[in-house]
PDB file of N, CA and C in Angstrom:
ATOM      1  N   GLN A   1       5.529  11.151 -10.671  1.00  0.00           N
ATOM      2  CA  GLN A   1       6.259  11.444 -12.012  1.00  0.00           C
ATOM      3  C   GLN A   1       5.571  10.210 -12.541  1.00  0.00           C
ATOM      4  N   THR A   2       5.910   9.157 -11.779  1.00  0.00           N
ATOM      5  CA  THR A   2       5.867   7.666 -13.237  1.00  0.00           C
ATOM      6  C   THR A   2       4.280   6.954 -13.180  1.00  0.00           C
ATOM      7  N   LEU A   3       3.822   7.406 -12.651  1.00  0.00           N
ATOM      8  CA  LEU A   3       1.969   6.736 -12.261  1.00  0.00           C
ATOM      9  C   LEU A   3       1.159   6.985 -13.992  1.00  0.00           C
ATOM     10  N   PRO A   4       1.630   8.502 -14.249  1.00  0.00           N
ATOM     11  CA  PRO A   4       1.424   8.925 -15.747  1.00  0.00           C
ATOM     12  C   PRO A   4       2.090   7.885 -16.731  1.00  0.00           C
ATOM     13  N   LEU A   5       3.431   6.653 -16.385  1.00  0.00           N
ATOM     14  CA  LEU A   5       3.810   6.240 -17.351  1.00  0.00           C
ATOM     15  C   LEU A   5       3.689   4.623 -17.404  1.00  0.00           C
ATOM     16  N   MET A   6       2.670   4.726 -16.658  1.00  0.00           N
ATOM     17  CA  MET A   6       2.415   3.497 -16.124  1.00  0.00           C
ATOM     18  C   MET A   6       0.690   2.911 -16.988  1.00  0.00           C
ATOM     19  N   PRO A   7       0.642   1.438 -18.154  1.00  0.00           N
ATOM     20  CA  PRO A   7      -1.027   1.516 -18.750  1.00  0.00           C
ATOM     21  C   PRO A   7      -1.425   1.620 -17.720  1.00  0.00           C
ATOM     22  N   ASP A   8      -3.118   2.416 -18.813  1.00  0.00           N
ATOM     23  CA  ASP A   8      -4.206   2.267 -18.791  1.00  0.00           C
ATOM     24  C   ASP A   8      -4.777   1.549 -17.609  1.00  0.00           C
ATOM     25  N   HIS A   9      -4.274   0.465 -18.116  1.00  0.00           N
ATOM     26  CA  HIS A   9      -5.129  -0.735 -17.655  1.00  0.00           C
ATOM     27  C   HIS A   9      -4.488  -1.853 -16.636  1.00  0.00           C
ATOM     28  N   ALA A  10      -3.197  -1.185 -16.301  1.00  0.00           N
ATOM     29  CA  ALA A  10      -2.407  -1.344 -15.042  1.00  0.00           C
ATOM     30  C   ALA A  10      -2.848  -1.793 -13.916  1.00  0.00           C
ATOM     31  N   MET A  11      -2.479  -2.292 -12.884  1.00  0.00           N
ATOM     32  CA  MET A  11      -2.887  -2.812 -11.218  1.00  0.00           C
ATOM     33  C   MET A  11      -1.608  -2.763 -10.893  1.00  0.00           C
ATOM     34  N   LEU A  12      -2.316  -1.591  -9.491  1.00  0.00           N
ATOM     35  CA  LEU A  12      -1.815  -0.845  -8.415  1.00  0.00           C
ATOM     36  C   LEU A  12      -1.601  -1.359  -7.713  1.00  0.00           C
ATOM     37  N   VAL A  13      -0.213  -2.044  -6.868  1.00  0.00           N
ATOM     38  CA  VAL A  13      -0.448  -3.026  -5.272  1.00  0.00           C
ATOM     39  C   VAL A  13       0.731  -1.555  -4.188  1.00  0.00           C
ATOM     40  N   ASN A  14       0.352  -1.315  -3.444  1.00  0.00           N
ATOM     41  CA  ASN A  14       1.056  -1.494  -2.805  1.00  0.00           C
ATOM     42  C   ASN A  14       0.737  -2.115  -1.230  1.00  0.00           C
ATOM     43  N   THR A  15       2.051  -2.198  -0.740  1.00  0.00           N
ATOM     44  CA  THR A  15       2.211  -2.953   0.694  1.00  0.00           C
ATOM     45  C   THR A  15       3.233  -2.493   1.231  1.00  0.00           C
ATOM     46  N   ALA A  16       3.641  -1.272   0.581  1.00  0.00           N
ATOM     47  CA  ALA A  16       4.942  -1.338   1.601  1.00  0.00           C
ATOM     48  C   ALA A  16       5.237  -0.191   2.036  1.00  0.00           C
ATOM     49  N   ARG A  17       5.240   1.332   1.653  1.00  0.00           N
ATOM     50  CA  ARG A  17       5.267   2.151   2.595  1.00  0.00           C
ATOM     51  C   ARG A  17       4.303   3.239   1.924  1.00  0.00           C
ATOM     52  N   GLY A  18       3.450   4.315   2.247  1.00  0.00           N
ATOM     53  CA  GLY A  18       2.084   4.691   2.433  1.00  0.00           C
ATOM     54  C   GLY A  18       2.987   5.918   1.118  1.00  0.00           C
ATOM     55  N   GLN A  19       3.798   6.242   1.336  1.00  0.00           N
ATOM     56  CA  GLN A  19       4.490   7.792   1.159  1.00  0.00           C
ATOM     57  C   GLN A  19       5.250   7.331  -0.702  1.00  0.00           C
ATOM     58  N   LEU A  20       5.428   5.934  -0.645  1.00  0.00           N
ATOM     59  CA  LEU A  20       5.572   5.188  -2.089  1.00  0.00           C
ATOM     60  C   LEU A  20       4.574   6.106  -3.067  1.00  0.00           C
ATOM     61  N   ILE A  21       3.403   5.936  -2.773  1.00  0.00           N
ATOM     62  CA  ILE A  21       2.350   6.826  -4.358  1.00  0.00           C
ATOM     63  C   ILE A  21       1.560   7.895  -3.023  1.00  0.00           C
ATOM     64  N   ASP A  22       1.824   9.399  -3.869  1.00  0.00           N
ATOM     65  CA  ASP A  22       1.774  10.177  -3.735  1.00  0.00           C
ATOM     66  C   ASP A  22      -0.487  10.736  -4.016  1.00  0.00           C
ATOM     67  N   GLU A  23      -0.625  10.572  -2.836  1.00  0.00           N
ATOM     68  CA  GLU A  23      -2.401   9.965  -3.574  1.00  0.00           C
ATOM     69  C   GLU A  23      -3.393  11.142  -3.778  1.00  0.00           C
ATOM     70  N   ASN A  24      -2.656  12.325  -3.819  1.00  0.00           N
ATOM     71  CA  ASN A  24      -3.708  13.473  -5.007  1.00  0.00           C
ATOM     72  C   ASN A  24      -3.463  12.806  -6.286  1.00  0.00           C
ATOM     73  N   ALA A  25      -2.086  12.261  -6.988  1.00  0.00           N
ATOM     74  CA  ALA A  25      -1.509  11.793  -7.999  1.00  0.00           C
ATOM     75  C   ALA A  25      -2.187  10.598  -8.608  1.00  0.00           C
ATOM     76  N   LEU A  26      -2.265   9.793  -7.304  1.00  0.00           N
ATOM     77  CA  LEU A  26      -3.328   8.935  -8.168  1.00  0.00           C
ATOM     78  C   LEU A  26      -5.037   8.876  -8.334  1.00  0.00           C
ATOM     79  N   VAL A  27      -5.319  10.085  -7.432  1.00  0.00           N
ATOM     80  CA  VAL A  27      -6.874  10.355  -7.696  1.00  0.00           C
ATOM     81  C   VAL A  27      -6.710  10.759  -8.989  1.00  0.00           C
ATOM     82  N   GLU A  28      -5.322  12.258  -9.309  1.00  0.00           N
ATOM     83  CA  GLU A  28      -6.233  12.582 -10.510  1.00  0.00           C
ATOM     84  C   GLU A  28      -5.866  11.519 -11.530  1.00  0.00           C
ATOM     85  N   GLN A  29      -5.440  10.534 -12.362  1.00  0.00           N
ATOM     86  CA  GLN A  29      -5.126   9.630 -12.906  1.00  0.00           C
ATOM     87  C   GLN A  29      -6.661   8.514 -13.180  1.00  0.00           C
ATOM     88  N   LEU A  30      -6.618   8.245 -11.505  1.00  0.00           N
ATOM     89  CA  LEU A  30      -7.876   7.681 -11.254  1.00  0.00           C
ATOM     90  C   LEU A  30      -9.491   7.878 -12.340  1.00  0.00           C
ATOM     91  N   GLN A  31      -9.737   9.587 -11.932  1.00  0.00           N
ATOM     92  CA  GLN A  31     -10.106  10.445 -12.437  1.00  0.00           C
ATOM     93  C   GLN A  31      -9.943  10.372 -13.803  1.00  0.00           C
ATOM     94  N   HIS A  32      -9.102  10.856 -14.454  1.00  0.00           N
ATOM     95  CA  HIS A  32      -8.982  10.206 -16.278  1.00  0.00           C
ATOM     96  C   HIS A  32      -9.301   8.480 -16.802  1.00  0.00           C
ATOM     97  N   GLY A  33      -9.331   7.335 -15.618  1.00  0.00           N
ATOM     98  CA  GLY A  33      -9.528   6.331 -16.410  1.00  0.00           C
ATOM     99  C   GLY A  33      -8.397   5.628 -15.933  1.00  0.00           C
ATOM    100  N   ARG A  34      -7.605   6.000 -15.677  1.00  0.00           N
ATOM    101  CA  ARG A  34      -6.545   5.086 -15.699  1.00  0.00           C
ATOM    102  C   ARG A  34      -6.403   3.837 -14.308  1.00  0.00           C
ATOM    103  N   PHE A  35      -5.608   3.365 -14.443  1.00  0.00           N
ATOM    104  CA  PHE A  35      -5.453   1.514 -13.748  1.00  0.00           C
ATOM    105  C   PHE A  35      -7.100   0.811 -13.612  1.00  0.00           C
ATOM    106  N   SER A  36      -6.506  -0.449 -13.700  1.00  0.00           N
ATOM    107  CA  SER A  36      -8.095  -1.234 -14.026  1.00  0.00           C
ATOM    108  C   SER A  36      -8.456  -1.695 -12.768  1.00  0.00           C
ATOM    109  N   ARG A  37      -7.476  -1.431 -11.469  1.00  0.00           N
ATOM    110  CA  ARG A  37      -7.216  -2.115  -9.709  1.00  0.00           C
ATOM    111  C   ARG A  37      -6.184  -1.386  -9.104  1.00  0.00           C
ATOM    112  N   VAL A  38      -6.376  -0.812  -7.638  1.00  0.00           N
ATOM    113  CA  VAL A  38      -6.107  -0.716  -7.291  1.00  0.00           C
ATOM    114  C   VAL A  38      -6.034  -0.850  -5.543  1.00  0.00           C
ATOM    115  N   VAL A  39      -4.973  -1.199  -5.095  1.00  0.00           N
ATOM    116  CA  VAL A  39      -5.396  -2.102  -4.009  1.00  0.00           C
ATOM    117  C   VAL A  39      -4.327  -1.457  -2.917  1.00  0.00           C
ATOM    118  N   LEU A  40      -4.368  -1.008  -1.970  1.00  0.00           N
ATOM    119  CA  LEU A  40      -3.887  -0.126  -0.935  1.00  0.00           C
ATOM    120  C   LEU A  40      -3.556  -0.576   0.439  1.00  0.00           C
ATOM    121  N   ASP A  41      -2.956  -0.439   0.972  1.00  0.00           N
ATOM    122  CA  ASP A  41      -2.715  -1.687   2.516  1.00  0.00           C
ATOM    123  C   ASP A  41      -2.159  -0.547   2.826  1.00  0.00           C
ATOM    124  N   VAL A  42      -1.460   0.157   2.593  1.00  0.00           N
ATOM    125  CA  VAL A  42      -0.546   1.714   3.860  1.00  0.00           C
ATOM    126  C   VAL A  42      -1.033   2.665   2.597  1.00  0.00           C
ATOM    127  N   ARG A  43      -1.466   3.688   3.395  1.00  0.00           N
ATOM    128  CA  ARG A  43      -1.949   5.064   2.924  1.00  0.00           C
ATOM    129  C   ARG A  43      -0.887   6.650   3.196  1.00  0.00           C
ATOM    130  N   GLU A  44      -1.551   7.230   2.470  1.00  0.00           N
ATOM    131  CA  GLU A  44      -0.043   8.126   2.655  1.00  0.00           C
ATOM    132  C   GLU A  44       0.194   8.899   3.625  1.00  0.00           C
ATOM    133  N   ILE A  45      -0.936   9.259   3.745  1.00  0.00           N
ATOM    134  CA  ILE A  45      -1.494   9.501   5.789  1.00  0.00           C
ATOM    135  C   ILE A  45      -2.389   8.523   6.309  1.00  0.00           C
ATOM    136  N   GLU A  46      -1.592   8.314   7.348  1.00  0.00           N
ATOM    137  CA  GLU A  46      -2.489   7.080   7.823  1.00  0.00           C
ATOM    138  C   GLU A  46      -3.046   7.749   8.959  1.00  0.00           C
ATOM    139  N   PRO A  47      -4.056   8.115   9.980  1.00  0.00           N
ATOM    140  CA  PRO A  47      -5.298   7.259   9.308  1.00  0.00           C
ATOM    141  C   PRO A  47      -5.643   8.818   8.001  1.00  0.00           C
ATOM    142  N   PRO A  48      -6.395   8.081   6.718  1.00  0.00           N
ATOM    143  CA  PRO A  48      -6.586   8.898   6.335  1.00  0.00           C
ATOM    144  C   PRO A  48      -7.353  10.038   6.325  1.00  0.00           C
ATOM    145  N   ARG A  49      -6.945  11.172   5.261  1.00  0.00           N
ATOM    146  CA  ARG A  49      -7.576  12.313   5.342  1.00  0.00           C
ATOM    147  C   ARG A  49      -9.430  12.149   4.990  1.00  0.00           C
ATOM    148  N   GLN A  50     -10.308  12.927   5.287  1.00  0.00           N
ATOM    149  CA  GLN A  50     -11.503  12.739   5.724  1.00  0.00           C
ATOM    150  C   GLN A  50     -12.407  14.016   5.083  1.00  0.00           C
ATOM    151  N   PRO A  51     -13.225  13.680   3.807  1.00  0.00           N
ATOM    152  CA  PRO A  51     -13.493  12.818   3.383  1.00  0.00           C
ATOM    153  C   PRO A  51     -12.528  12.246   1.837  1.00  0.00           C
ATOM    154  N   ASP A  52     -12.252  10.970   2.446  1.00  0.00           N
ATOM    155  CA  ASP A  52     -10.867  10.450   2.181  1.00  0.00           C
ATOM    156  C   ASP A  52     -11.569  10.161   0.337  1.00  0.00           C
ATOM    157  N   PRO A  53     -10.757  10.894  -0.719  1.00  0.00           N
ATOM    158  CA  PRO A  53     -10.985  11.346  -1.706  1.00  0.00           C
ATOM    159  C   PRO A  53     -11.233   9.847  -2.531  1.00  0.00           C
ATOM    160  N   LEU A  54     -10.442   8.475  -2.543  1.00  0.00           N
ATOM    161  CA  LEU A  54     -10.325   7.623  -3.114  1.00  0.00           C
ATOM    162  C   LEU A  54     -12.076   6.455  -2.996  1.00  0.00           C
ATOM    163  N   SER A  55     -12.403   7.437  -1.734  1.00  0.00           N
ATOM    164  CA  SER A  55     -13.561   6.022  -1.564  1.00  0.00           C
ATOM    165  C   SER A  55     -14.790   7.015  -2.788  1.00  0.00           C
ATOM    166  N   GLU A  56     -14.552   7.788  -3.483  1.00  0.00           N
ATOM    167  CA  GLU A  56     -14.988   7.561  -5.410  1.00  0.00           C
ATOM    168  C   GLU A  56     -14.644   6.741  -6.460  1.00  0.00           C
ATOM    169  N   PHE A  57     -13.710   6.012  -6.073  1.00  0.00           N
ATOM    170  CA  PHE A  57     -13.182   4.856  -6.742  1.00  0.00           C
ATOM    171  C   PHE A  57     -13.994   4.111  -6.083  1.00  0.00           C
ATOM    172  N   SER A  58     -14.773   3.314  -5.625  1.00  0.00           N
ATOM    173  CA  SER A  58     -14.464   1.646  -4.234  1.00  0.00           C
ATOM    174  C   SER A  58     -14.815   0.501  -5.121  1.00  0.00           C
ATOM    175  N   ASP A  59     -15.259   0.919  -7.224  1.00  0.00           N
ATOM    176  CA  ASP A  59     -15.716   0.170  -8.380  1.00  0.00           C
ATOM    177  C   ASP A  59     -13.636  -0.247  -8.734  1.00  0.00           C
ATOM    178  N   ARG A  60     -13.079   0.370  -8.141  1.00  0.00           N
ATOM    179  CA  ARG A  60     -11.266  -0.004  -8.800  1.00  0.00           C
ATOM    180  C   ARG A  60     -10.203  -0.115  -7.789  1.00  0.00           C
ATOM    181  N   VAL A  61     -10.978   0.487  -5.992  1.00  0.00           N
ATOM    182  CA  VAL A  61      -9.626   0.564  -5.562  1.00  0.00           C
ATOM    183  C   VAL A  61     -10.041  -0.076  -3.840  1.00  0.00           C
ATOM    184  N   TRP A  62      -9.004  -0.210  -3.526  1.00  0.00           N
ATOM    185  CA  TRP A  62      -9.253  -1.484  -2.845  1.00  0.00           C
ATOM    186  C   TRP A  62      -8.501  -1.433  -1.532  1.00  0.00           C
ATOM    187  N   LEU A  63      -9.291  -1.394  -0.518  1.00  0.00           N
ATOM    188  CA  LEU A  63      -8.873  -0.729   0.565  1.00  0.00           C
ATOM    189  C   LEU A  63      -8.373  -1.294   1.937  1.00  0.00           C
ATOM    190  N   THR A  64      -6.732  -1.646   1.937  1.00  0.00           N
ATOM    191  CA  THR A  64      -7.284  -2.662   3.491  1.00  0.00           C
ATOM    192  C   THR A  64      -5.968  -2.189   4.553  1.00  0.00           C
ATOM    193  N   PRO A  65      -6.868  -2.432   5.442  1.00  0.00           N
ATOM    194  CA  PRO A  65      -6.620  -1.672   7.161  1.00  0.00           C
ATOM    195  C   PRO A  65      -4.850  -2.510   7.400  1.00  0.00           C
ATOM    196  N   HIS A  66      -3.635  -1.975   6.572  1.00  0.00           N
ATOM    197  CA  HIS A  66      -2.875  -2.499   7.250  1.00  0.00           C
ATOM    198  C   HIS A  66      -2.506  -4.052   7.944  1.00  0.00           C
ATOM    199  N   VAL A  67      -2.929  -4.873   7.064  1.00  0.00           N
ATOM    200  CA  VAL A  67      -2.704  -5.913   7.227  1.00  0.00           C
ATOM    201  C   VAL A  67      -1.793  -6.918   6.278  1.00  0.00           C
ATOM    202  N   ALA A  68      -0.960  -6.417   5.234  1.00  0.00           N
ATOM    203  CA  ALA A  68      -0.495  -7.860   4.277  1.00  0.00           C
ATOM    204  C   ALA A  68       0.399  -8.196   5.223  1.00  0.00           C
ATOM    205  N   GLY A  69       1.339  -7.556   6.104  1.00  0.00           N
ATOM    206  CA  GLY A  69       2.185  -8.782   7.064  1.00  0.00           C
ATOM    207  C   GLY A  69       1.575  -9.521   7.724  1.00  0.00           C
ATOM    208  N   LEU A  70       0.642  -9.884   8.313  1.00  0.00           N
ATOM    209  CA  LEU A  70      -0.238 -10.479   8.981  1.00  0.00           C
ATOM    210  C   LEU A  70      -0.001 -12.221   8.570  1.00  0.00           C
ATOM    211  N   THR A  71       0.693 -12.247   8.046  1.00  0.00           N
ATOM    212  CA  THR A  71       0.747 -13.520   7.188  1.00  0.00           C
ATOM    213  C   THR A  71       1.748 -14.448   8.003  1.00  0.00           C
ATOM    214  N   ASP A  72       0.953 -16.083   8.762  1.00  0.00           N
ATOM    215  CA  ASP A  72       2.075 -16.865   8.867  1.00  0.00           C
ATOM    216  C   ASP A  72       3.631 -16.531   8.492  1.00  0.00           C
ATOM    217  N   ALA A  73       4.207 -16.443   7.343  1.00  0.00           N
ATOM    218  CA  ALA A  73       5.128 -16.379   6.445  1.00  0.00           C
ATOM    219  C   ALA A  73       5.742 -15.380   7.443  1.00  0.00           C
ATOM    220  N   ALA A  74       5.525 -13.985   7.066  1.00  0.00           N
ATOM    221  CA  ALA A  74       5.577 -12.778   7.482  1.00  0.00           C
ATOM    222  C   ALA A  74       6.339 -12.806   9.362  1.00  0.00           C
ATOM    223  N   GLN A  75       5.421 -13.443   9.945  1.00  0.00           N
ATOM    224  CA  GLN A  75       5.118 -13.913  11.074  1.00  0.00           C
ATOM    225  C   GLN A  75       6.803 -14.505  11.876  1.00  0.00           C
ATOM    226  N   GLU A  76       6.612 -15.534  10.767  1.00  0.00           N
ATOM    227  CA  GLU A  76       7.598 -16.471  11.456  1.00  0.00           C
ATOM    228  C   GLU A  76       8.755 -15.647  11.085  1.00  0.00           C
ATOM    229  N   ARG A  77       9.367 -15.336   9.581  1.00  0.00           N
ATOM    230  CA  ARG A  77      10.264 -13.932   9.415  1.00  0.00           C
ATOM    231  C   ARG A  77      10.603 -12.781  10.061  1.00  0.00           C
ATOM    232  N   THR A  78      10.343 -12.254  10.326  1.00  0.00           N
ATOM    233  CA  THR A  78      10.126 -11.041  11.207  1.00  0.00           C
ATOM    234  C   THR A  78      10.221 -11.897  12.723  1.00  0.00           C
ATOM    235  N   CYS A  79       9.563 -13.171  13.148  1.00  0.00           N
ATOM    236  CA  CYS A  79      10.125 -13.281  14.760  1.00  0.00           C
ATOM    237  C   CYS A  79      11.926 -14.004  14.571  1.00  0.00           C
ATOM    238  N   SER A  80      12.043 -14.457  13.182  1.00  0.00           N
ATOM    239  CA  SER A  80      13.919 -15.016  12.714  1.00  0.00           C
ATOM    240  C   SER A  80      14.422 -13.617  13.148  1.00  0.00           C
ATOM    241  N   MET A  81      14.050 -12.760  12.607  1.00  0.00           N
ATOM    242  CA  MET A  81      15.230 -11.436  12.429  1.00  0.00           C
ATOM    243  C   MET A  81      15.131 -10.707  13.387  1.00  0.00           C
ATOM    244  N   ILE A  82      14.269 -11.303  14.428  1.00  0.00           N
ATOM    245  CA  ILE A  82      14.060 -10.662  15.877  1.00  0.00           C
ATOM    246  C   ILE A  82      15.320 -11.145  17.031  1.00  0.00           C
ATOM    247  N   MET A  83      15.210 -13.012  16.821  1.00  0.00           N
ATOM    248  CA  MET A  83      16.372 -13.861  17.179  1.00  0.00           C
ATOM    249  C   MET A  83      16.773 -13.558  16.544  1.00  0.00           C
ATOM    250  N   GLU A  84      17.369 -13.312  15.704  1.00  0.00           N
ATOM    251  CA  GLU A  84      18.650 -12.787  15.036  1.00  0.00           C
ATOM    252  C   GLU A  84      19.686 -11.442  15.544  1.00  0.00           C
ATOM    253  N   SER A  85      19.126 -10.423  15.971  1.00  0.00           N
ATOM    254  CA  SER A  85      18.873  -9.412  15.833  1.00  0.00           C
ATOM    255  C   SER A  85      19.684  -9.401  17.777  1.00  0.00           C
ATOM    256  N   LEU A  86      19.133  -9.788  18.074  1.00  0.00           N
ATOM    257  CA  LEU A  86      19.003 -10.294  19.714  1.00  0.00           C
ATOM    258  C   LEU A  86      20.285 -11.287  19.949  1.00  0.00           C
ATOM    259  N   ALA A  87      20.762 -12.085  19.035  1.00  0.00           N
ATOM    260  CA  ALA A  87      21.332 -13.330  19.255  1.00  0.00           C
ATOM    261  C   ALA A  87      22.493 -13.180  19.866  1.00  0.00           C
ATOM    262  N   PRO A  88      23.364 -11.778  19.278  1.00  0.00           N
ATOM    263  CA  PRO A  88      24.597 -11.335  19.750  1.00  0.00           C
ATOM    264  C   PRO A  88      24.570 -11.025  21.794  1.00  0.00           C
ATOM    265  N   TYR A  89      23.764 -10.545  22.124  1.00  0.00           N
ATOM    266  CA  TYR A  89      23.100  -9.913  23.236  1.00  0.00           C
ATOM    267  C   TYR A  89      23.187 -10.209  24.042  1.00  0.00           C
ATOM    268  N   LEU A  90      22.348 -11.849  24.155  1.00  0.00           N
ATOM    269  CA  LEU A  90      22.633 -12.917  25.075  1.00  0.00           C
ATOM    270  C   LEU A  90      23.201 -14.101  24.796  1.00  0.00           C
ATOM    271  N   LEU A  91      24.605 -14.045  24.465  1.00  0.00           N
ATOM    272  CA  LEU A  91      25.102 -15.110  24.543  1.00  0.00           C
ATOM    273  C   LEU A  91      26.332 -14.501  24.749  1.00  0.00           C
TER     274      LEU A  91
END
């Protein structure tokens, strides 16, 4: 429901959860020339269905293999959160 409310030239990036974006609705918007760029690190269904309807928009759609969280900072944060969660059980 919200995709049509975005400006035609908008850039859409999802590194959070695949279910946040209805990919059928996204394909429909792309067919109407919406979005200057779409970057998805997560998909609504993983692995994506084949043939992948987003592949026909490769000039505007970048797909990455669920790696947005693999930065040094993200790994350090994850380790810190794990240690904080385990600390009460280790003392």
